[in-house]
Amino acid sequence: MTEDEFKEKLGQKIHELRKERDLTLYQLALKTQAHKSTIMRIERAEVSPSANLLRRIARALEVPMVDLVGME
């Protein structure tokens, strides 16, 4: 899997989980102490989150971090 493919799948997964939990971009940003535009850019596969931010996103979405990055 290329880096771009990874970013795309990660962004999709975060977006899906955020929607399942009925969270807005703003609410997820507050929970992760990140800027709303950062979350949006991750979901759009424009940037890769740092390991620290990825951990905070997983915690905010109440999933193990491996569920976000453990893709086939």
Protein backbone atom coordinates (compact mmCIF):
# COMPACT_ATOMS: atom_id res chain seq x y z
CA MET A 1 0.00 0.00 0.00
CA THR A 2 1.37 3.40 -0.94
CA GLU A 3 1.45 6.35 1.43
CA ASP A 4 -1.36 8.03 -0.52
CA GLU A 5 -3.50 4.89 -0.33
CA PHE A 6 -2.85 4.69 3.40
CA LYS A 7 -3.85 8.34 3.92
CA GLU A 8 -7.02 7.79 1.88
CA LYS A 9 -8.08 4.70 3.86
CA LEU A 10 -7.21 6.31 7.17
CA GLY A 11 -9.20 9.43 6.31
CA GLN A 12 -12.19 7.37 5.24
CA LYS A 13 -12.07 5.31 8.45
CA ILE A 14 -11.89 8.39 10.67
CA HIS A 15 -14.74 10.01 8.74
CA GLU A 16 -16.92 6.88 9.01
CA LEU A 17 -16.30 6.51 12.74
CA ARG A 18 -16.92 10.21 13.35
CA LYS A 19 -20.25 10.02 11.51
CA GLU A 20 -21.24 6.78 13.34
CA ARG A 21 -20.68 8.60 16.61
CA ASP A 22 -22.64 11.61 15.38
CA LEU A 23 -19.69 13.97 15.89
CA THR A 24 -19.08 17.09 13.86
CA LEU A 25 -15.61 18.05 12.72
CA TYR A 26 -15.65 20.75 15.37
CA GLN A 27 -16.59 18.31 18.14
CA LEU A 28 -13.85 15.87 17.16
CA ALA A 29 -11.38 18.73 16.97
CA LEU A 30 -12.30 19.80 20.50
CA LYS A 31 -11.93 16.25 21.82
CA THR A 32 -8.52 15.86 20.19
CA GLN A 33 -7.25 19.39 20.87
CA ALA A 34 -6.64 19.78 17.14
CA HIS A 35 -7.88 22.43 14.76
CA LYS A 36 -11.04 21.63 12.80
CA SER A 37 -9.19 22.19 9.53
CA THR A 38 -6.58 19.62 10.57
CA ILE A 39 -9.24 16.96 11.10
CA MET A 40 -10.83 17.90 7.79
CA ARG A 41 -7.49 17.63 5.96
CA ILE A 42 -6.83 14.20 7.51
CA GLU A 43 -10.26 12.97 6.41
CA ARG A 44 -9.60 14.30 2.90
CA ALA A 45 -6.23 12.48 2.83
CA GLU A 46 -4.36 15.76 2.37
CA VAL A 47 -2.11 15.19 5.39
CA SER A 48 -1.03 12.38 7.69
CA PRO A 49 -1.58 12.86 11.41
CA SER A 50 1.30 12.57 13.84
CA ALA A 51 1.33 9.47 16.03
CA ASN A 52 0.28 11.62 18.97
CA LEU A 53 -2.70 13.09 17.12
CA LEU A 54 -3.67 9.67 15.81
CA ARG A 55 -3.70 8.38 19.39
CA ARG A 56 -5.92 11.29 20.48
CA ILE A 57 -8.29 10.68 17.54
CA ALA A 58 -8.58 6.99 18.44
CA ARG A 59 -9.28 7.88 22.05
CA ALA A 60 -11.91 10.47 21.05
CA LEU A 61 -13.60 7.95 18.74
CA GLU A 62 -13.34 5.29 21.47
CA VAL A 63 -11.52 2.74 19.33
CA PRO A 64 -8.10 1.12 19.67
CA MET A 65 -5.53 2.89 17.53
CA VAL A 66 -4.96 -0.35 15.62
CA ASP A 67 -8.56 -0.10 14.37
CA LEU A 68 -7.58 3.09 12.57
CA VAL A 69 -4.29 1.93 11.10
CA GLY A 70 -4.64 -1.86 11.06
CA MET A 71 -5.83 -2.02 7.47
CA GLU A 72 -5.39 -4.87 5.06
